[in-house]
Amino acid sequence: MRQRSEEQIVHELLTRATRNEKGCLISHLRPNAKGYVNVGVGGREGGTTRGHRFIWAFFKGSIPHDKQVCHSCDTRNCLNIEHLFLGTPAENTADMMRKGRNKFIRPNTQKVTDEILEQMFELNSQGTPGNEIALILGLSPATISSYLRGERHVK
């Protein structure tokens, strides 16, 4: 089996993403337990890296060992290069605190607003499957399902 080129991997990542209202390119690939998208590199003998790190390295160059690729949008499965920046772990933590994010909260949890609920029902009416709606909106499939069944309401 032939190894994919970096260009092919980037093409696959970006064509499997949808732009949301914040301008994020939300990957439709399954996120890991922390909410990040992993991508296989180097064929069978290769490993994996996070999708946003791969996108950064492809478009901007190597990532210094003391830096992280951070999301200005705070959406872990966003692949939009314009939403990514380099920062130290301390800078990333300061950004988290400044924005009121708590790194101990489960990934993909957010307050469901009337606007998000409207998007949820619009996507559902267009025939978008619940698991894809969850990825697009950054919510769990169970949360999407409970709102669509009318079991939960915006507070």
N, C-alpha and C. Protein backbone atom coordinates (compact mmCIF):
# COMPACT_ATOMS: atom_id res chain seq x y z
N MET A 1 0.84 -1.18 0.00
CA MET A 1 0.00 0.00 0.00
C MET A 1 0.88 1.24 0.00
N ARG A 2 0.54 2.20 -0.86
CA ARG A 2 1.32 3.41 -0.99
C ARG A 2 1.01 4.39 0.14
N GLN A 3 2.04 5.02 0.64
CA GLN A 3 1.89 6.00 1.71
C GLN A 3 1.29 7.29 1.13
N ARG A 4 0.35 7.90 1.86
CA ARG A 4 -0.26 9.15 1.42
C ARG A 4 0.72 10.31 1.58
N SER A 5 0.66 11.25 0.66
CA SER A 5 1.49 12.44 0.77
C SER A 5 0.85 13.41 1.78
N GLU A 6 1.64 14.39 2.23
CA GLU A 6 1.10 15.40 3.13
C GLU A 6 -0.06 16.14 2.48
N GLU A 7 0.08 16.43 1.19
CA GLU A 7 -0.99 17.12 0.46
C GLU A 7 -2.28 16.30 0.46
N GLN A 8 -2.16 14.99 0.28
CA GLN A 8 -3.34 14.13 0.28
C GLN A 8 -4.00 14.11 1.66
N ILE A 9 -3.18 14.06 2.70
CA ILE A 9 -3.72 14.05 4.07
C ILE A 9 -4.45 15.36 4.35
N VAL A 10 -3.84 16.49 3.99
CA VAL A 10 -4.48 17.79 4.20
C VAL A 10 -5.78 17.87 3.42
N HIS A 11 -5.76 17.41 2.17
CA HIS A 11 -6.97 17.42 1.35
C HIS A 11 -8.07 16.60 2.01
N GLU A 12 -7.74 15.41 2.51
CA GLU A 12 -8.72 14.56 3.19
C GLU A 12 -9.26 15.23 4.44
N LEU A 13 -8.38 15.85 5.22
CA LEU A 13 -8.82 16.52 6.44
C LEU A 13 -9.78 17.66 6.13
N LEU A 14 -9.41 18.49 5.16
CA LEU A 14 -10.20 19.69 4.88
C LEU A 14 -11.50 19.38 4.14
N THR A 15 -11.52 18.30 3.34
CA THR A 15 -12.77 17.97 2.65
C THR A 15 -13.73 17.23 3.57
N ARG A 16 -13.25 16.79 4.71
CA ARG A 16 -14.11 16.13 5.71
C ARG A 16 -14.37 17.07 6.88
N ALA A 17 -14.56 18.35 6.56
CA ALA A 17 -14.82 19.36 7.58
C ALA A 17 -15.90 20.31 7.08
N THR A 18 -16.62 20.88 8.02
CA THR A 18 -17.69 21.83 7.70
C THR A 18 -17.44 23.12 8.46
N ARG A 19 -17.63 24.23 7.79
CA ARG A 19 -17.45 25.54 8.44
C ARG A 19 -18.71 25.86 9.25
N ASN A 20 -18.52 26.25 10.52
CA ASN A 20 -19.67 26.61 11.35
C ASN A 20 -19.80 28.13 11.41
N GLU A 21 -20.76 28.61 12.21
CA GLU A 21 -21.04 30.05 12.29
C GLU A 21 -19.89 30.87 12.86
N LYS A 22 -18.98 30.24 13.60
CA LYS A 22 -17.82 30.95 14.14
C LYS A 22 -16.64 30.93 13.17
N GLY A 23 -16.81 30.29 12.02
CA GLY A 23 -15.72 30.20 11.05
C GLY A 23 -14.82 29.00 11.28
N CYS A 24 -15.15 28.17 12.26
CA CYS A 24 -14.36 26.97 12.52
C CYS A 24 -14.57 25.98 11.38
N LEU A 25 -13.52 25.24 11.05
CA LEU A 25 -13.63 24.11 10.13
C LEU A 25 -13.70 22.87 11.01
N ILE A 26 -14.90 22.41 11.27
CA ILE A 26 -15.13 21.31 12.19
C ILE A 26 -14.94 19.99 11.45
N SER A 27 -13.98 19.21 11.92
CA SER A 27 -13.70 17.91 11.32
C SER A 27 -14.84 16.94 11.59
N HIS A 28 -15.16 16.15 10.57
CA HIS A 28 -16.17 15.11 10.73
C HIS A 28 -15.55 13.78 11.14
N LEU A 29 -14.23 13.76 11.32
CA LEU A 29 -13.57 12.55 11.80
C LEU A 29 -13.85 12.42 13.29
N ARG A 30 -13.89 11.20 13.77
CA ARG A 30 -14.20 10.95 15.17
C ARG A 30 -13.12 11.55 16.07
N PRO A 31 -13.52 12.39 17.03
CA PRO A 31 -12.52 12.94 17.96
C PRO A 31 -12.09 11.89 18.99
N ASN A 32 -10.89 12.09 19.53
CA ASN A 32 -10.43 11.19 20.58
C ASN A 32 -11.11 11.55 21.90
N ALA A 33 -10.72 10.91 22.98
CA ALA A 33 -11.37 11.11 24.27
C ALA A 33 -11.24 12.55 24.77
N LYS A 34 -10.22 13.26 24.30
CA LYS A 34 -10.03 14.66 24.72
C LYS A 34 -10.67 15.65 23.76
N GLY A 35 -11.30 15.15 22.69
CA GLY A 35 -11.98 16.03 21.76
C GLY A 35 -11.17 16.44 20.54
N TYR A 36 -9.95 15.94 20.43
CA TYR A 36 -9.09 16.26 19.28
C TYR A 36 -9.24 15.20 18.20
N VAL A 37 -8.99 15.60 16.97
CA VAL A 37 -9.03 14.67 15.84
C VAL A 37 -7.62 14.17 15.59
N ASN A 38 -7.45 12.85 15.52
CA ASN A 38 -6.15 12.27 15.21
C ASN A 38 -6.10 11.89 13.74
N VAL A 39 -4.90 11.98 13.17
CA VAL A 39 -4.70 11.61 11.78
C VAL A 39 -3.47 10.69 11.71
N GLY A 40 -3.61 9.61 10.92
CA GLY A 40 -2.50 8.69 10.73
C GLY A 40 -1.51 9.25 9.72
N VAL A 41 -0.24 9.17 10.05
CA VAL A 41 0.82 9.64 9.15
C VAL A 41 1.90 8.58 9.02
N GLY A 42 2.52 8.53 7.89
CA GLY A 42 3.65 7.62 7.71
C GLY A 42 3.27 6.19 7.41
N GLY A 43 2.04 5.94 6.97
CA GLY A 43 1.64 4.58 6.61
C GLY A 43 1.57 3.67 7.82
N ARG A 44 1.71 2.37 7.56
CA ARG A 44 1.58 1.38 8.64
C ARG A 44 2.65 1.52 9.71
N GLU A 45 3.84 1.92 9.30
CA GLU A 45 4.93 2.07 10.27
C GLU A 45 4.90 3.41 10.98
N GLY A 46 4.07 4.32 10.49
CA GLY A 46 3.99 5.65 11.08
C GLY A 46 3.11 5.67 12.32
N GLY A 47 2.89 6.83 12.82
CA GLY A 47 2.06 6.99 14.01
C GLY A 47 0.88 7.88 13.71
N THR A 48 0.42 8.56 14.73
CA THR A 48 -0.66 9.51 14.57
C THR A 48 -0.24 10.85 15.15
N THR A 49 -0.90 11.88 14.70
CA THR A 49 -0.73 13.21 15.27
C THR A 49 -2.09 13.86 15.28
N ARG A 50 -2.23 14.90 16.03
CA ARG A 50 -3.50 15.60 16.07
C ARG A 50 -3.67 16.39 14.77
N GLY A 51 -4.90 16.41 14.27
CA GLY A 51 -5.19 17.04 12.99
C GLY A 51 -4.79 18.50 12.94
N HIS A 52 -5.05 19.26 14.00
CA HIS A 52 -4.72 20.68 13.99
C HIS A 52 -3.21 20.90 13.98
N ARG A 53 -2.46 20.00 14.60
CA ARG A 53 -0.99 20.10 14.58
C ARG A 53 -0.46 19.80 13.17
N PHE A 54 -1.08 18.81 12.52
CA PHE A 54 -0.67 18.46 11.16
C PHE A 54 -0.94 19.65 10.22
N ILE A 55 -2.13 20.26 10.35
CA ILE A 55 -2.49 21.42 9.53
C ILE A 55 -1.49 22.55 9.77
N TRP A 56 -1.16 22.82 11.03
CA TRP A 56 -0.20 23.89 11.34
C TRP A 56 1.14 23.62 10.67
N ALA A 57 1.67 22.42 10.86
CA ALA A 57 2.99 22.08 10.31
C ALA A 57 2.98 22.18 8.78
N PHE A 58 1.89 21.78 8.15
CA PHE A 58 1.81 21.82 6.69
C PHE A 58 1.82 23.26 6.18
N PHE A 59 1.03 24.13 6.80
CA PHE A 59 0.89 25.49 6.29
C PHE A 59 1.90 26.48 6.88
N LYS A 60 2.33 26.26 8.12
CA LYS A 60 3.17 27.25 8.80
C LYS A 60 4.59 26.77 9.11
N GLY A 61 4.83 25.46 9.06
CA GLY A 61 6.16 24.94 9.35
C GLY A 61 6.20 24.19 10.66
N SER A 62 7.40 23.79 11.03
CA SER A 62 7.56 22.94 12.21
C SER A 62 7.12 23.64 13.49
N ILE A 63 6.79 22.82 14.47
CA ILE A 63 6.33 23.30 15.77
C ILE A 63 7.49 23.16 16.75
N PRO A 64 7.96 24.27 17.31
CA PRO A 64 9.06 24.17 18.28
C PRO A 64 8.67 23.26 19.44
N HIS A 65 9.66 22.56 19.99
CA HIS A 65 9.38 21.57 21.04
C HIS A 65 8.75 22.18 22.29
N ASP A 66 8.97 23.48 22.53
CA ASP A 66 8.43 24.12 23.72
C ASP A 66 7.08 24.81 23.48
N LYS A 67 6.49 24.58 22.30
CA LYS A 67 5.23 25.24 21.94
C LYS A 67 4.12 24.23 21.71
N GLN A 68 2.91 24.70 21.85
CA GLN A 68 1.71 23.94 21.54
C GLN A 68 0.98 24.67 20.43
N VAL A 69 0.18 23.95 19.67
CA VAL A 69 -0.70 24.58 18.69
C VAL A 69 -2.04 24.77 19.40
N CYS A 70 -2.38 26.04 19.63
CA CYS A 70 -3.57 26.38 20.42
C CYS A 70 -4.69 26.86 19.50
N HIS A 71 -5.91 26.78 19.98
CA HIS A 71 -7.09 27.21 19.23
C HIS A 71 -7.61 28.53 19.81
N SER A 72 -7.64 29.58 19.00
CA SER A 72 -8.24 30.84 19.46
C SER A 72 -9.74 30.68 19.63
N CYS A 73 -10.34 29.74 18.91
CA CYS A 73 -11.79 29.50 18.95
C CYS A 73 -12.19 28.55 20.07
N ASP A 74 -11.22 27.91 20.71
CA ASP A 74 -11.47 26.95 21.79
C ASP A 74 -12.26 25.73 21.33
N THR A 75 -12.19 25.40 20.05
CA THR A 75 -12.88 24.24 19.51
C THR A 75 -11.84 23.22 19.12
N ARG A 76 -11.72 22.16 19.87
CA ARG A 76 -10.61 21.22 19.71
C ARG A 76 -10.59 20.49 18.38
N ASN A 77 -11.74 20.31 17.73
CA ASN A 77 -11.73 19.62 16.45
C ASN A 77 -11.81 20.60 15.27
N CYS A 78 -11.43 21.87 15.52
CA CYS A 78 -11.36 22.88 14.46
C CYS A 78 -10.02 22.75 13.74
N LEU A 79 -10.07 22.80 12.41
CA LEU A 79 -8.86 22.70 11.59
C LEU A 79 -8.57 23.98 10.82
N ASN A 80 -9.25 25.07 11.14
CA ASN A 80 -9.05 26.34 10.44
C ASN A 80 -7.71 26.94 10.86
N ILE A 81 -6.79 27.06 9.90
CA ILE A 81 -5.45 27.58 10.20
C ILE A 81 -5.51 28.98 10.79
N GLU A 82 -6.52 29.74 10.44
CA GLU A 82 -6.67 31.11 10.97
C GLU A 82 -7.08 31.11 12.44
N HIS A 83 -7.53 29.98 12.97
CA HIS A 83 -7.92 29.87 14.37
C HIS A 83 -6.80 29.26 15.22
N LEU A 84 -5.67 28.96 14.62
CA LEU A 84 -4.58 28.30 15.33
C LEU A 84 -3.44 29.28 15.59
N PHE A 85 -2.78 29.11 16.73
CA PHE A 85 -1.60 29.92 17.05
C PHE A 85 -0.67 29.10 17.92
N LEU A 86 0.60 29.48 17.91
CA LEU A 86 1.58 28.80 18.76
C LEU A 86 1.63 29.48 20.11
N GLY A 87 1.75 28.69 21.16
CA GLY A 87 1.90 29.23 22.50
C GLY A 87 2.55 28.21 23.40
N THR A 88 3.14 28.70 24.45
CA THR A 88 3.72 27.80 25.45
C THR A 88 2.58 27.20 26.26
N PRO A 89 2.86 26.14 27.00
CA PRO A 89 1.81 25.61 27.89
C PRO A 89 1.27 26.68 28.85
N ALA A 90 2.15 27.54 29.36
CA ALA A 90 1.72 28.60 30.28
C ALA A 90 0.80 29.60 29.56
N GLU A 91 1.15 29.94 28.32
CA GLU A 91 0.31 30.87 27.55
C GLU A 91 -1.05 30.25 27.24
N ASN A 92 -1.06 28.97 26.95
CA ASN A 92 -2.31 28.28 26.68
C ASN A 92 -3.19 28.26 27.94
N THR A 93 -2.58 28.02 29.09
CA THR A 93 -3.31 28.03 30.35
C THR A 93 -3.83 29.43 30.66
N ALA A 94 -3.00 30.46 30.43
CA ALA A 94 -3.44 31.84 30.65
C ALA A 94 -4.62 32.18 29.75
N ASP A 95 -4.56 31.72 28.50
CA ASP A 95 -5.66 31.93 27.54
C ASP A 95 -6.93 31.25 28.06
N MET A 96 -6.78 30.04 28.58
CA MET A 96 -7.90 29.29 29.12
C MET A 96 -8.53 30.05 30.29
N MET A 97 -7.71 30.55 31.19
CA MET A 97 -8.22 31.26 32.36
C MET A 97 -8.88 32.58 31.96
N ARG A 98 -8.26 33.29 31.02
CA ARG A 98 -8.78 34.58 30.56
C ARG A 98 -10.17 34.41 29.94
N LYS A 99 -10.37 33.29 29.25
CA LYS A 99 -11.65 33.03 28.59
C LYS A 99 -12.64 32.30 29.49
N GLY A 100 -12.22 31.95 30.69
CA GLY A 100 -13.12 31.27 31.62
C GLY A 100 -13.33 29.81 31.31
N ARG A 101 -12.40 29.22 30.54
CA ARG A 101 -12.49 27.78 30.26
C ARG A 101 -11.90 27.04 31.43
N ASN A 102 -12.45 25.89 31.71
CA ASN A 102 -11.90 25.04 32.75
C ASN A 102 -11.42 23.76 32.09
N LYS A 103 -10.11 23.52 32.11
CA LYS A 103 -9.57 22.36 31.39
C LYS A 103 -10.03 21.03 31.99
N PHE A 104 -10.67 21.08 33.15
CA PHE A 104 -11.13 19.84 33.76
C PHE A 104 -12.56 19.50 33.36
N ILE A 105 -13.19 20.37 32.59
CA ILE A 105 -14.52 20.07 32.07
C ILE A 105 -14.34 19.15 30.87
N ARG A 106 -15.25 18.21 30.70
CA ARG A 106 -15.16 17.29 29.57
C ARG A 106 -15.13 18.06 28.26
N PRO A 107 -14.36 17.57 27.27
CA PRO A 107 -14.35 18.22 25.98
C PRO A 107 -15.74 18.15 25.33
N ASN A 108 -15.96 19.06 24.41
CA ASN A 108 -17.20 19.12 23.65
C ASN A 108 -18.41 19.40 24.51
N THR A 109 -18.21 19.98 25.70
CA THR A 109 -19.36 20.37 26.50
C THR A 109 -19.48 21.87 26.39
N GLN A 110 -20.66 22.32 26.15
CA GLN A 110 -20.90 23.75 26.08
C GLN A 110 -22.36 23.99 26.42
N LYS A 111 -22.65 25.23 26.76
CA LYS A 111 -24.03 25.60 27.06
C LYS A 111 -24.81 25.61 25.75
N VAL A 112 -25.95 24.97 25.76
CA VAL A 112 -26.81 24.95 24.57
C VAL A 112 -27.69 26.19 24.62
N THR A 113 -27.46 27.10 23.69
CA THR A 113 -28.22 28.34 23.61
C THR A 113 -29.37 28.18 22.62
N ASP A 114 -30.25 29.16 22.60
CA ASP A 114 -31.33 29.14 21.62
C ASP A 114 -30.78 29.07 20.20
N GLU A 115 -29.67 29.79 19.95
CA GLU A 115 -29.06 29.80 18.62
C GLU A 115 -28.55 28.40 18.24
N ILE A 116 -27.89 27.73 19.17
CA ILE A 116 -27.38 26.38 18.92
C ILE A 116 -28.55 25.42 18.70
N LEU A 117 -29.60 25.57 19.50
CA LEU A 117 -30.77 24.71 19.36
C LEU A 117 -31.41 24.91 17.98
N GLU A 118 -31.47 26.16 17.52
CA GLU A 118 -32.03 26.46 16.19
C GLU A 118 -31.19 25.78 15.10
N GLN A 119 -29.85 25.86 15.22
CA GLN A 119 -28.96 25.19 14.26
C GLN A 119 -29.17 23.69 14.29
N MET A 120 -29.35 23.14 15.50
CA MET A 120 -29.53 21.71 15.67
C MET A 120 -30.78 21.24 14.90
N PHE A 121 -31.89 21.95 15.10
CA PHE A 121 -33.13 21.56 14.43
C PHE A 121 -33.06 21.80 12.92
N GLU A 122 -32.35 22.85 12.49
CA GLU A 122 -32.19 23.11 11.06
C GLU A 122 -31.40 21.98 10.40
N LEU A 123 -30.28 21.59 11.01
CA LEU A 123 -29.47 20.49 10.47
C LEU A 123 -30.28 19.20 10.45
N ASN A 124 -31.06 18.97 11.51
CA ASN A 124 -31.89 17.77 11.58
C ASN A 124 -32.94 17.77 10.46
N SER A 125 -33.55 18.92 10.20
CA SER A 125 -34.57 19.01 9.16
C SER A 125 -33.98 18.80 7.76
N GLN A 126 -32.67 19.05 7.63
CA GLN A 126 -31.98 18.83 6.35
C GLN A 126 -31.52 17.38 6.19
N GLY A 127 -31.82 16.55 7.19
CA GLY A 127 -31.47 15.14 7.11
C GLY A 127 -30.08 14.81 7.61
N THR A 128 -29.42 15.77 8.26
CA THR A 128 -28.09 15.51 8.81
C THR A 128 -28.21 14.55 9.98
N PRO A 129 -27.45 13.45 9.98
CA PRO A 129 -27.51 12.49 11.10
C PRO A 129 -27.08 13.13 12.42
N GLY A 130 -27.65 12.63 13.51
CA GLY A 130 -27.36 13.17 14.84
C GLY A 130 -25.89 13.20 15.20
N ASN A 131 -25.14 12.15 14.81
CA ASN A 131 -23.71 12.13 15.16
C ASN A 131 -22.94 13.22 14.40
N GLU A 132 -23.37 13.55 13.18
CA GLU A 132 -22.73 14.64 12.44
C GLU A 132 -23.11 15.98 13.04
N ILE A 133 -24.37 16.12 13.45
CA ILE A 133 -24.79 17.36 14.12
C ILE A 133 -23.94 17.57 15.37
N ALA A 134 -23.71 16.49 16.11
CA ALA A 134 -22.89 16.57 17.33
C ALA A 134 -21.49 17.08 17.01
N LEU A 135 -20.89 16.56 15.95
CA LEU A 135 -19.55 17.00 15.56
C LEU A 135 -19.55 18.45 15.13
N ILE A 136 -20.52 18.84 14.35
CA ILE A 136 -20.59 20.21 13.84
C ILE A 136 -20.77 21.21 14.99
N LEU A 137 -21.63 20.88 15.93
CA LEU A 137 -21.94 21.81 17.02
C LEU A 137 -21.06 21.62 18.25
N GLY A 138 -20.22 20.59 18.25
CA GLY A 138 -19.33 20.37 19.39
C GLY A 138 -20.05 19.84 20.62
N LEU A 139 -21.10 19.06 20.40
CA LEU A 139 -21.87 18.47 21.49
C LEU A 139 -21.80 16.95 21.39
N SER A 140 -22.23 16.27 22.43
CA SER A 140 -22.24 14.82 22.39
C SER A 140 -23.47 14.34 21.61
N PRO A 141 -23.38 13.18 20.95
CA PRO A 141 -24.55 12.63 20.27
C PRO A 141 -25.73 12.42 21.22
N ALA A 142 -25.47 12.04 22.47
CA ALA A 142 -26.54 11.85 23.44
C ALA A 142 -27.27 13.16 23.73
N THR A 143 -26.51 14.26 23.81
CA THR A 143 -27.12 15.57 24.04
C THR A 143 -28.01 15.95 22.86
N ILE A 144 -27.49 15.76 21.64
CA ILE A 144 -28.27 16.06 20.44
C ILE A 144 -29.57 15.25 20.44
N SER A 145 -29.44 13.96 20.69
CA SER A 145 -30.60 13.08 20.69
C SER A 145 -31.65 13.52 21.70
N SER A 146 -31.22 13.88 22.91
CA SER A 146 -32.20 14.25 23.95
C SER A 146 -32.92 15.56 23.61
N TYR A 147 -32.21 16.50 22.99
CA TYR A 147 -32.89 17.75 22.58
C TYR A 147 -33.85 17.48 21.43
N LEU A 148 -33.44 16.69 20.43
CA LEU A 148 -34.30 16.42 19.29
C LEU A 148 -35.55 15.63 19.69
N ARG A 149 -35.46 14.81 20.73
CA ARG A 149 -36.62 14.06 21.22
C ARG A 149 -37.49 14.91 22.15
N GLY A 150 -37.01 16.11 22.47
CA GLY A 150 -37.79 17.01 23.35
C GLY A 150 -37.64 16.72 24.82
N GLU A 151 -36.63 15.93 25.19
CA GLU A 151 -36.43 15.57 26.60
C GLU A 151 -35.68 16.66 27.36
N ARG A 152 -34.97 17.53 26.63
CA ARG A 152 -34.22 18.62 27.26
C ARG A 152 -34.63 19.92 26.61
N HIS A 153 -34.50 21.00 27.37
CA HIS A 153 -34.87 22.33 26.88
C HIS A 153 -33.80 23.33 27.29
N VAL A 154 -33.64 24.39 26.52
CA VAL A 154 -32.69 25.44 26.85
C VAL A 154 -33.18 26.13 28.12
N LYS A 155 -32.23 26.34 29.04
CA LYS A 155 -32.59 26.98 30.33
C LYS A 155 -32.44 28.47 30.24
